[in-house]
N, C-alpha and C. Protein backbone atom coordinates (compact mmCIF):
# COMPACT_ATOMS: atom_id res chain seq x y z
N MET A 1 -69.41 32.84 -3.01
CA MET A 1 -69.16 34.09 -3.08
C MET A 1 -68.22 35.08 -4.01
N LYS A 2 -68.08 35.17 -4.91
CA LYS A 2 -66.71 35.87 -5.30
C LYS A 2 -66.48 37.13 -5.39
N LEU A 3 -65.38 37.43 -5.01
CA LEU A 3 -65.12 39.14 -4.94
C LEU A 3 -64.34 38.98 -6.64
N SER A 4 -64.85 40.09 -6.85
CA SER A 4 -63.94 41.38 -8.33
C SER A 4 -63.06 41.68 -7.71
N VAL A 5 -62.05 41.25 -8.91
CA VAL A 5 -60.34 42.46 -8.22
C VAL A 5 -60.10 43.37 -7.54
N ILE A 6 -61.36 44.58 -8.08
CA ILE A 6 -61.60 45.78 -6.75
C ILE A 6 -61.32 45.13 -5.26
N GLU A 7 -63.00 44.56 -5.04
CA GLU A 7 -63.31 43.88 -3.93
C GLU A 7 -62.16 42.74 -2.88
N TYR A 8 -61.23 42.35 -3.85
CA TYR A 8 -59.87 41.40 -3.33
C TYR A 8 -58.63 42.26 -3.28
N ASN A 9 -58.20 43.42 -3.83
CA ASN A 9 -57.43 44.19 -4.03
C ASN A 9 -57.74 44.21 -2.11
N LYS A 10 -58.94 45.61 -1.92
CA LYS A 10 -58.84 46.21 -1.00
C LYS A 10 -59.02 45.10 0.70
N VAL A 11 -59.63 43.95 0.37
CA VAL A 11 -59.27 42.89 1.30
C VAL A 11 -58.00 42.66 1.53
N VAL A 12 -56.84 42.43 0.82
CA VAL A 12 -55.62 42.25 0.67
C VAL A 12 -54.87 43.52 1.33
N ASN A 13 -55.63 44.96 1.16
CA ASN A 13 -54.94 45.78 1.68
C ASN A 13 -55.28 46.22 3.14
N ASP A 14 -56.84 46.29 3.35
CA ASP A 14 -57.33 46.51 4.81
C ASP A 14 -56.71 45.21 5.82
N ILE A 15 -56.32 44.07 4.72
CA ILE A 15 -55.59 42.95 6.14
C ILE A 15 -53.95 43.43 6.12
N LYS A 16 -53.03 44.41 5.33
CA LYS A 16 -52.23 44.76 5.36
C LYS A 16 -51.51 45.83 6.21
N LYS A 17 -53.18 46.79 6.00
CA LYS A 17 -53.20 47.82 7.69
C LYS A 17 -52.88 47.46 8.82
N ASN A 18 -53.99 46.27 8.88
CA ASN A 18 -54.37 45.87 10.10
C ASN A 18 -53.12 44.76 10.86
N ASN A 19 -52.37 44.64 10.19
CA ASN A 19 -51.59 43.87 10.24
C ASN A 19 -50.52 45.13 11.04
N ALA A 20 -50.20 45.79 9.98
CA ALA A 20 -49.33 46.96 10.28
C ALA A 20 -50.26 47.78 12.01
N ILE A 21 -50.88 47.54 12.65
CA ILE A 21 -51.23 48.46 13.16
C ILE A 21 -50.27 48.16 14.57
N TYR A 22 -50.06 46.80 15.07
CA TYR A 22 -49.77 46.40 15.99
C TYR A 22 -48.23 46.99 16.13
N ALA A 23 -47.15 46.76 14.67
CA ALA A 23 -46.38 47.67 15.00
C ALA A 23 -46.45 49.15 15.35
N LYS A 24 -47.09 49.70 14.84
CA LYS A 24 -47.11 51.30 14.57
C LYS A 24 -48.06 51.36 16.13
N ILE A 25 -48.35 50.62 17.10
CA ILE A 25 -48.71 51.50 18.26
C ILE A 25 -47.34 50.97 19.56
N LEU A 26 -46.69 50.50 19.22
CA LEU A 26 -45.24 49.89 19.54
C LEU A 26 -44.38 51.12 19.23
N ARG A 27 -44.32 51.41 18.24
CA ARG A 27 -43.52 52.64 17.14
C ARG A 27 -44.01 54.02 18.31
N ILE A 28 -45.27 53.90 18.40
CA ILE A 28 -45.97 55.12 19.15
C ILE A 28 -45.12 55.44 20.76
N GLY A 29 -45.52 53.97 21.27
CA GLY A 29 -44.63 53.84 22.76
C GLY A 29 -43.23 53.94 22.52
N GLN A 30 -43.24 53.78 21.57
CA GLN A 30 -41.16 53.96 21.51
C GLN A 30 -40.70 55.26 21.23
N THR A 31 -41.40 56.28 20.90
CA THR A 31 -41.25 57.60 20.83
C THR A 31 -41.56 57.87 21.73
N PHE A 32 -42.61 57.51 22.94
CA PHE A 32 -43.08 58.31 23.89
C PHE A 32 -42.14 57.31 25.52
N ILE A 33 -41.19 56.61 24.70
CA ILE A 33 -40.90 56.14 26.31
C ILE A 33 -40.42 57.56 27.43
N ASP A 34 -40.00 57.71 27.02
CA ASP A 34 -39.25 58.92 28.12
C ASP A 34 -40.70 59.58 29.21
N THR A 35 -41.92 59.70 28.56
CA THR A 35 -43.09 59.93 29.32
C THR A 35 -43.97 58.78 29.21
N GLY A 36 -43.91 58.46 28.54
CA GLY A 36 -45.56 57.58 28.49
C GLY A 36 -46.30 57.89 27.45
N VAL A 37 -47.23 57.07 26.66
CA VAL A 37 -48.39 57.70 26.41
C VAL A 37 -49.33 57.09 26.77
N SER A 38 -50.50 57.55 26.83
CA SER A 38 -51.98 57.12 26.74
C SER A 38 -52.68 56.68 25.74
N TYR A 39 -53.60 55.82 26.30
CA TYR A 39 -54.42 55.38 25.36
C TYR A 39 -55.24 56.09 24.43
N ASN A 40 -55.77 56.96 24.82
CA ASN A 40 -56.54 57.91 24.25
C ASN A 40 -56.13 58.67 22.95
N LYS A 41 -54.10 58.82 23.59
CA LYS A 41 -53.08 59.79 22.57
C LYS A 41 -52.76 59.03 20.83
N VAL A 42 -53.06 57.27 22.12
CA VAL A 42 -52.46 56.51 21.06
C VAL A 42 -53.39 56.23 19.58
N LYS A 43 -54.81 56.03 20.28
CA LYS A 43 -55.60 55.70 19.53
C LYS A 43 -56.38 57.40 18.56
N LYS A 44 -56.16 58.14 18.71
CA LYS A 44 -56.10 59.32 18.05
C LYS A 44 -54.90 59.43 17.10
N ILE A 45 -53.89 59.29 16.77
CA ILE A 45 -52.58 59.08 16.35
C ILE A 45 -53.24 58.29 15.48
N LEU A 46 -53.69 56.96 15.49
CA LEU A 46 -54.03 55.94 14.30
C LEU A 46 -55.37 56.02 14.00
N GLU A 47 -56.42 57.06 14.86
CA GLU A 47 -57.20 58.17 13.95
C GLU A 47 -57.11 58.78 12.44
N THR A 48 -56.01 59.56 13.22
CA THR A 48 -55.46 60.10 11.82
C THR A 48 -54.56 59.48 11.01
N GLU A 49 -54.36 58.50 11.06
CA GLU A 49 -53.88 57.75 9.89
C GLU A 49 -54.64 56.61 9.35
N GLY A 50 -56.00 56.84 9.87
CA GLY A 50 -57.29 56.17 8.97
C GLY A 50 -57.71 55.04 9.40
N TYR A 51 -57.13 54.29 10.85
CA TYR A 51 -58.05 53.25 11.69
C TYR A 51 -59.53 53.92 12.09
N ASP A 52 -60.07 52.98 11.68
CA ASP A 52 -61.80 53.25 12.31
C ASP A 52 -61.84 52.86 13.77
N PHE A 53 -62.06 53.58 14.67
CA PHE A 53 -62.31 53.09 16.08
C PHE A 53 -64.19 52.96 16.24
N GLU A 54 -64.94 53.15 15.28
CA GLU A 54 -66.17 53.12 15.27
C GLU A 54 -66.15 51.32 15.75
N ASN A 55 -65.12 50.94 14.19
CA ASN A 55 -64.98 49.39 14.30
C ASN A 55 -64.97 48.72 15.74
N SER A 56 -66.08 48.09 16.37
CA SER A 56 -65.93 47.65 18.01
C SER A 56 -64.53 46.79 18.14
N CYS A 57 -64.62 46.16 16.84
CA CYS A 57 -63.40 44.88 16.87
C CYS A 57 -62.11 45.32 16.82
N ILE A 58 -62.38 46.26 16.18
CA ILE A 58 -59.84 47.43 16.20
C ILE A 58 -60.61 48.21 17.39
N GLU A 59 -61.54 48.14 17.90
CA GLU A 59 -61.40 48.78 19.35
C GLU A 59 -60.60 48.19 20.69
N ILE A 60 -61.57 46.86 20.16
CA ILE A 60 -60.80 45.74 21.18
C ILE A 60 -59.62 45.33 20.89
N ALA A 61 -59.16 44.92 19.98
CA ALA A 61 -58.00 44.30 19.59
C ALA A 61 -57.09 45.41 19.44
N VAL A 62 -57.08 46.77 19.77
CA VAL A 62 -56.19 47.66 20.16
C VAL A 62 -56.45 47.64 20.77
N LYS A 63 -56.88 47.72 22.36
CA LYS A 63 -57.36 47.65 23.78
C LYS A 63 -56.18 46.28 24.05
N GLN A 64 -55.90 45.34 23.53
CA GLN A 64 -56.08 44.32 24.35
C GLN A 64 -54.13 44.17 23.97
N TRP A 65 -54.25 44.86 22.37
CA TRP A 65 -52.54 45.01 22.19
C TRP A 65 -52.02 46.00 23.07
N PHE A 66 -52.89 46.71 23.22
CA PHE A 66 -51.82 48.34 24.14
C PHE A 66 -51.88 47.45 25.62
N PHE A 67 -53.03 47.10 26.01
CA PHE A 67 -52.85 46.03 27.54
C PHE A 67 -51.34 45.30 27.34
N ASP A 68 -51.37 44.55 26.70
CA ASP A 68 -50.43 43.44 26.36
C ASP A 68 -48.90 44.36 26.57
N SER A 69 -48.69 45.46 25.56
CA SER A 69 -47.69 46.00 25.52
C SER A 69 -47.35 47.09 26.78
N PHE A 70 -48.19 47.79 26.93
CA PHE A 70 -47.84 48.53 28.06
C PHE A 70 -47.56 47.94 29.31
N HIS A 71 -47.06 49.16 30.03
CA HIS A 71 -47.51 49.04 31.73
C HIS A 71 -47.75 50.34 32.57
N HIS A 72 -48.67 50.31 33.72
CA HIS A 72 -48.83 51.31 34.30
C HIS A 72 -49.50 50.78 35.73
N LYS A 73 -49.42 51.33 36.51
CA LYS A 73 -50.02 51.03 38.03
C LYS A 73 -50.46 52.42 38.40
N GLY A 74 -51.75 51.63 38.47
CA GLY A 74 -52.92 52.78 39.32
C GLY A 74 -52.16 53.67 40.79
N GLU A 75 -53.10 54.32 41.74
CA GLU A 75 -52.91 55.01 42.87
C GLU A 75 -52.70 54.10 43.81
N ASP A 76 -53.14 52.95 43.66
CA ASP A 76 -52.90 51.71 44.79
C ASP A 76 -51.70 51.26 43.92
N SER A 77 -50.87 51.60 43.46
CA SER A 77 -49.37 51.24 43.17
C SER A 77 -49.55 49.62 42.86
N LYS A 78 -50.52 49.28 42.09
CA LYS A 78 -51.26 48.21 41.95
C LYS A 78 -50.90 48.17 39.86
N GLN A 79 -51.17 47.41 39.10
CA GLN A 79 -50.73 46.78 38.36
C GLN A 79 -51.74 46.73 37.37
N VAL A 80 -52.32 47.47 36.73
CA VAL A 80 -53.97 48.03 35.91
C VAL A 80 -54.17 46.72 35.47
N GLU A 81 -55.27 46.08 35.68
CA GLU A 81 -56.06 44.84 34.56
C GLU A 81 -56.50 45.23 33.51
N PHE A 82 -56.47 44.74 33.05
CA PHE A 82 -57.53 44.72 31.56
C PHE A 82 -58.74 45.59 32.09
N ASP A 83 -59.34 44.32 32.96
CA ASP A 83 -60.68 44.59 33.05
C ASP A 83 -60.70 46.53 33.82
N ASP A 84 -59.94 46.89 34.09
CA ASP A 84 -60.37 48.23 34.87
C ASP A 84 -59.56 49.04 33.59
N LEU A 85 -58.67 48.98 32.37
CA LEU A 85 -57.95 49.13 31.38
C LEU A 85 -58.94 51.19 30.74
N ASP A 86 -60.43 51.18 31.09
CA ASP A 86 -61.47 51.92 30.23
C ASP A 86 -61.15 53.05 31.55
N ASN A 87 -60.54 52.36 32.79
CA ASN A 87 -60.64 53.62 34.09
C ASN A 87 -59.56 54.64 34.02
N HIS A 88 -58.50 54.39 33.08
CA HIS A 88 -56.96 55.24 33.58
C HIS A 88 -56.85 55.64 31.66
N LEU A 89 -57.55 55.28 30.77
CA LEU A 89 -57.40 56.25 29.20
C LEU A 89 -56.19 56.94 28.94
N ASP A 90 -56.83 57.80 30.22
CA ASP A 90 -55.92 59.15 29.69
C ASP A 90 -54.40 59.14 30.84
N CYS A 91 -54.18 57.96 31.01
CA CYS A 91 -52.82 57.68 31.90
C CYS A 91 -52.01 57.74 31.14
N ASN A 92 -50.51 57.70 31.11
CA ASN A 92 -49.58 57.46 30.79
C ASN A 92 -48.99 56.12 31.19
N PHE A 93 -48.90 55.42 29.70
CA PHE A 93 -48.20 53.43 29.70
C PHE A 93 -46.91 53.71 29.86
N ILE A 94 -46.28 53.34 29.86
CA ILE A 94 -44.44 52.77 29.40
C ILE A 94 -44.97 51.43 28.46
N LEU A 95 -44.40 51.45 27.47
CA LEU A 95 -43.45 50.06 26.89
C LEU A 95 -42.76 48.84 27.93
N LYS A 96 -43.19 48.05 27.59
CA LYS A 96 -42.89 46.93 28.26
C LYS A 96 -41.55 46.24 27.99
N GLY A 97 -40.44 45.94 27.84
CA GLY A 97 -39.42 45.53 27.59
C GLY A 97 -39.68 44.57 26.49
N ASP A 98 -40.29 43.53 26.96
CA ASP A 98 -40.69 42.52 25.90
C ASP A 98 -41.34 42.54 24.46
N ALA A 99 -42.34 43.78 24.35
CA ALA A 99 -42.80 44.27 23.65
C ALA A 99 -41.90 45.40 22.53
N GLY A 100 -40.85 46.50 23.25
CA GLY A 100 -39.85 46.93 22.63
C GLY A 100 -38.89 45.76 21.88
N LEU A 101 -38.86 44.57 22.25
CA LEU A 101 -37.77 43.55 22.02
C LEU A 101 -38.46 42.90 20.48
N LYS A 102 -40.13 42.57 20.75
CA LYS A 102 -40.88 42.29 19.49
C LYS A 102 -40.54 43.34 18.41
N LEU A 103 -40.27 44.47 18.62
CA LEU A 103 -40.39 45.68 18.01
C LEU A 103 -38.80 45.25 17.36
N ALA A 104 -37.94 45.01 17.71
CA ALA A 104 -36.57 44.97 16.99
C ALA A 104 -36.80 44.01 16.74
N ASP A 105 -37.50 42.75 16.95
CA ASP A 105 -37.78 42.10 16.39
C ASP A 105 -38.08 41.88 14.87
N HIS A 106 -39.28 42.64 14.57
CA HIS A 106 -39.96 43.11 13.51
C HIS A 106 -39.60 43.55 12.27
N ASP A 107 -38.63 44.80 12.97
CA ASP A 107 -37.69 44.74 12.09
C ASP A 107 -36.20 44.37 11.66
N THR A 108 -35.99 43.64 12.72
CA THR A 108 -34.67 43.18 11.85
C THR A 108 -34.97 41.74 11.03
N SER A 109 -36.34 41.32 11.25
CA SER A 109 -37.04 40.33 10.40
C SER A 109 -37.30 40.91 8.56
N LYS A 110 -37.68 42.09 8.49
CA LYS A 110 -37.92 43.19 7.55
C LYS A 110 -36.57 43.90 6.68
N MET A 111 -36.03 43.83 7.53
CA MET A 111 -33.93 44.13 7.11
C MET A 111 -33.92 42.45 6.30
N ASN A 112 -33.65 41.73 7.26
CA ASN A 112 -33.45 40.23 6.86
C ASN A 112 -34.58 39.81 5.46
N LEU A 113 -35.48 39.70 5.39
CA LEU A 113 -36.30 39.64 4.13
C LEU A 113 -36.15 40.43 3.05
N SER A 114 -35.41 42.19 3.33
CA SER A 114 -35.26 42.70 2.46
C SER A 114 -33.58 42.11 1.46
N ILE A 115 -32.65 41.84 2.67
CA ILE A 115 -31.43 41.21 2.15
C ILE A 115 -31.68 39.79 1.22
N ALA A 116 -32.21 38.91 1.74
CA ALA A 116 -32.93 38.02 1.00
C ALA A 116 -33.19 37.86 -0.26
N ARG A 117 -34.38 38.97 -0.38
CA ARG A 117 -34.55 39.11 -1.98
C ARG A 117 -33.79 39.76 -2.68
N LYS A 118 -32.76 40.85 -2.38
CA LYS A 118 -31.58 41.02 -2.92
C LYS A 118 -30.83 40.24 -3.22
N ALA A 119 -30.08 39.23 -2.14
CA ALA A 119 -29.45 37.90 -2.02
C ALA A 119 -30.61 37.40 -3.69
N MET A 120 -30.87 37.03 -3.82
CA MET A 120 -31.87 35.96 -4.78
C MET A 120 -31.84 36.48 -6.14
N ILE A 121 -32.18 38.13 -5.89
CA ILE A 121 -32.17 38.73 -7.41
C ILE A 121 -30.26 38.93 -7.80
N ILE A 122 -29.66 38.91 -7.18
CA ILE A 122 -28.13 38.90 -7.48
C ILE A 122 -28.08 37.48 -8.10
N SER A 123 -27.84 36.33 -7.07
CA SER A 123 -28.01 35.28 -8.03
C SER A 123 -28.85 34.66 -8.99
N ILE A 124 -29.19 35.28 -8.97
CA ILE A 124 -30.77 34.87 -10.75
C ILE A 124 -29.86 35.64 -11.91
N ILE A 125 -29.10 36.57 -11.24
CA ILE A 125 -28.77 37.54 -12.46
C ILE A 125 -27.69 37.02 -12.92
N ALA A 126 -26.83 36.71 -11.76
CA ALA A 126 -25.38 35.31 -11.46
C ALA A 126 -25.46 34.09 -12.50
N LEU A 127 -26.46 33.78 -12.12
CA LEU A 127 -26.78 32.73 -12.72
C LEU A 127 -27.61 32.66 -14.64
N LEU A 128 -28.34 33.38 -14.35
CA LEU A 128 -28.69 34.03 -15.87
C LEU A 128 -27.31 34.07 -16.74
N ALA A 129 -26.74 35.11 -16.17
CA ALA A 129 -25.10 35.39 -17.14
C ALA A 129 -24.21 34.24 -17.27
N SER A 130 -24.15 33.26 -15.98
CA SER A 130 -23.18 31.61 -16.22
C SER A 130 -23.65 31.53 -17.63
N ILE A 131 -25.22 31.36 -17.98
CA ILE A 131 -25.49 30.48 -18.93
C ILE A 131 -25.56 31.38 -20.31
N LEU A 132 -26.06 32.61 -20.41
CA LEU A 132 -26.49 33.63 -21.59
C LEU A 132 -24.72 33.45 -21.84
N ILE A 133 -23.66 33.88 -21.40
CA ILE A 133 -22.26 34.28 -21.42
C ILE A 133 -21.22 33.05 -22.56
N PRO A 134 -21.75 31.81 -22.24
CA PRO A 134 -20.90 31.14 -23.23
C PRO A 134 -21.62 31.33 -24.97
N PHE A 135 -22.75 31.96 -25.39
CA PHE A 135 -23.66 32.26 -25.86
C PHE A 135 -22.62 33.02 -26.87
N PHE A 136 -22.39 34.08 -25.78
CA PHE A 136 -22.11 35.32 -26.51
C PHE A 136 -20.40 35.56 -27.04
N ASN A 137 -20.23 34.80 -26.41
CA ASN A 137 -18.18 34.27 -26.51
C ASN A 137 -18.11 33.11 -27.36
N LYS A 138 -18.15 32.49 -28.16
CA LYS A 138 -17.86 31.87 -29.16
C LYS A 138 -16.49 32.59 -30.37
N GLU A 139 -16.00 33.10 -30.49
CA GLU A 139 -14.53 33.42 -30.75
C GLU A 139 -13.23 32.95 -30.50
N GLN A 140 -12.75 31.82 -28.93
CA GLN A 140 -12.46 31.61 -28.44
C GLN A 140 -12.44 30.30 -28.54
N PRO A 141 -11.30 29.55 -29.35
CA PRO A 141 -11.40 28.20 -29.01
C PRO A 141 -11.76 27.04 -28.27
N GLU A 142 -12.10 26.50 -27.66
CA GLU A 142 -12.01 25.70 -26.44
C GLU A 142 -10.72 24.87 -26.32
N LYS A 143 -10.60 24.74 -25.01
CA LYS A 143 -9.25 24.11 -24.97
C LYS A 143 -9.28 23.23 -24.75
N GLU A 144 -9.12 21.39 -25.41
CA GLU A 144 -9.12 20.46 -25.61
C GLU A 144 -8.27 19.86 -24.18
N LEU A 145 -9.32 19.32 -23.29
CA LEU A 145 -8.21 19.04 -22.13
C LEU A 145 -8.15 16.93 -21.70
N HIS A 146 -7.06 17.05 -21.50
CA HIS A 146 -7.07 15.30 -21.93
C HIS A 146 -6.36 15.22 -20.37
N PRO A 147 -7.01 14.18 -20.46
CA PRO A 147 -6.61 13.30 -18.90
C PRO A 147 -5.13 12.63 -18.69
N ILE A 148 -5.15 13.11 -17.57
CA ILE A 148 -3.73 12.43 -17.50
C ILE A 148 -4.29 10.47 -17.16
N THR A 149 -3.14 10.04 -18.40
CA THR A 149 -3.48 8.79 -18.08
C THR A 149 -2.61 7.71 -17.55
N LYS A 150 -1.32 8.16 -17.21
CA LYS A 150 -0.52 7.37 -16.11
C LYS A 150 0.66 7.99 -15.32
N VAL A 151 0.25 7.70 -13.69
CA VAL A 151 1.24 8.70 -12.84
C VAL A 151 2.02 7.45 -12.46
N ILE A 152 3.39 8.07 -12.53
CA ILE A 152 4.72 6.49 -11.77
C ILE A 152 5.45 7.72 -11.36
N ILE A 153 5.73 6.89 -9.82
CA ILE A 153 6.92 7.84 -8.83
C ILE A 153 7.64 6.68 -8.74
N VAL A 154 8.96 6.91 -9.31
CA VAL A 154 10.51 6.22 -8.91
C VAL A 154 11.39 7.27 -8.35
N LYS A 155 11.71 6.63 -6.76
CA LYS A 155 12.71 7.43 -5.86
C LYS A 155 12.08 8.76 -5.86
N ASP A 156 12.79 9.46 -6.56
CA ASP A 156 12.80 10.81 -6.05
C ASP A 156 12.28 11.57 -7.27
N THR A 157 11.56 11.14 -8.54
CA THR A 157 11.14 11.52 -9.53
C THR A 157 9.94 10.83 -9.86
N ILE A 158 9.00 12.16 -10.35
CA ILE A 158 7.64 11.51 -10.10
C ILE A 158 6.98 11.78 -11.73
N TYR A 159 6.50 10.94 -12.17
CA TYR A 159 6.15 11.16 -14.41
C TYR A 159 4.79 11.42 -14.11
N ILE A 160 4.63 12.06 -14.93
CA ILE A 160 2.89 12.20 -15.35
C ILE A 160 2.89 11.95 -16.65
N GLU A 161 2.38 11.45 -16.92
CA GLU A 161 1.89 10.86 -18.90
C GLU A 161 0.66 11.13 -19.11
N LYS A 162 0.65 11.77 -20.25
CA LYS A 162 -0.95 11.70 -20.76
C LYS A 162 -0.88 11.57 -22.26
N SER A 163 -1.86 10.79 -22.55
CA SER A 163 -1.83 10.96 -24.23
C SER A 163 -3.12 11.63 -24.97
N SER A 164 -2.23 12.57 -25.71
CA SER A 164 -2.77 13.48 -26.80
C SER A 164 -3.36 12.72 -28.25
N ASP A 165 -2.48 11.63 -28.23
CA ASP A 165 -3.31 11.57 -29.62
C ASP A 165 -2.00 9.56 -29.02
N LYS A 166 -3.14 8.82 -30.19
CA LYS A 166 -2.53 7.44 -29.52
C LYS A 166 -1.45 6.96 -30.33
N ASN A 167 -0.59 7.89 -31.43
CA ASN A 167 0.51 7.57 -31.74
C ASN A 167 1.72 8.01 -30.19
N ILE A 168 1.42 9.31 -29.95
CA ILE A 168 2.36 10.15 -29.03
C ILE A 168 1.78 10.03 -27.95
N LYS A 169 2.74 10.37 -26.88
CA LYS A 169 2.23 10.08 -25.31
C LYS A 169 3.22 11.89 -25.40
N ASP A 170 2.64 12.47 -24.27
CA ASP A 170 3.60 13.71 -23.64
C ASP A 170 3.92 13.06 -22.38
N SER A 171 5.17 13.34 -21.96
CA SER A 171 5.76 12.80 -20.75
C SER A 171 6.39 14.35 -20.18
N ILE A 172 6.17 14.56 -18.11
CA ILE A 172 7.12 14.70 -18.09
C ILE A 172 7.67 14.63 -16.50
N SER A 173 8.03 14.70 -16.02
CA SER A 173 9.25 14.10 -15.24
C SER A 173 9.33 15.07 -14.48
N VAL A 174 9.14 15.17 -13.06
CA VAL A 174 9.84 16.10 -11.95
C VAL A 174 10.48 15.14 -11.15
N THR A 175 11.70 16.08 -10.94
CA THR A 175 13.28 15.51 -9.64
C THR A 175 12.87 16.47 -9.00
N ASN A 176 13.55 16.48 -7.74
CA ASN A 176 13.80 17.30 -6.57
C ASN A 176 14.76 18.72 -6.91
N THR A 177 15.68 18.43 -8.37
CA THR A 177 15.74 19.08 -8.76
C THR A 177 16.45 19.79 -9.88
N LYS A 178 15.37 19.27 -11.26
CA LYS A 178 15.11 20.09 -12.16
C LYS A 178 13.82 18.64 -13.17
N LEU A 179 13.14 19.80 -14.48
CA LEU A 179 12.03 19.05 -14.66
C LEU A 179 12.73 18.95 -16.10
N LYS A 180 11.90 18.06 -16.11
CA LYS A 180 11.94 17.07 -17.46
C LYS A 180 11.14 17.10 -18.74
N LEU A 181 11.29 17.49 -19.51
CA LEU A 181 10.08 17.28 -20.51
C LEU A 181 10.32 16.35 -21.61
N GLY A 182 9.50 15.97 -22.15
CA GLY A 182 10.04 15.16 -23.39
C GLY A 182 8.87 14.15 -23.76
N THR A 183 9.24 14.50 -25.27
CA THR A 183 7.55 13.80 -26.21
C THR A 183 8.88 12.08 -26.80
N SER A 184 7.63 11.27 -26.08
CA SER A 184 8.17 9.96 -27.03
C SER A 184 7.38 9.37 -27.96
N LYS A 185 7.58 8.76 -29.04
CA LYS A 185 6.75 7.89 -29.86
C LYS A 185 6.56 6.55 -29.52
């Protein structure tokens, strides 16, 4: 079965939307950290954002994530179990600490990804500039570099000799008190 471009884009957008639902649930819980939030309130907020709870798979996924991410004790002071969640849909649940940390990690990774993308763009621009600038900057003659051919150290004097021509040798001698420059043939 081959998908058309429109069908493919719809599938990709649905995947992005459904992946975002988990972070949205945690953000809702973070918003109501002081009072708690009921499953029904979370469901209502998500429905206003376009999620279809007529789909039983979404309903089960949201219930499971809600149960894993929120904490509530029943009237008997026991932790509510997943099988008993349907009896507590209007009770206020508090976001668990590890779920809050998951949200913080998620936000940090998104920020790091954004920074990495910007750094990559800057490095590509710098690379292109380093390649292209020499092509536009040909007016200045390049300086000829001459390798050092001989270094001689005698007592407190350093002699550095380089060859620029076969017949002429430039030499520099450095002592601890004075600098001597000379040319010899």
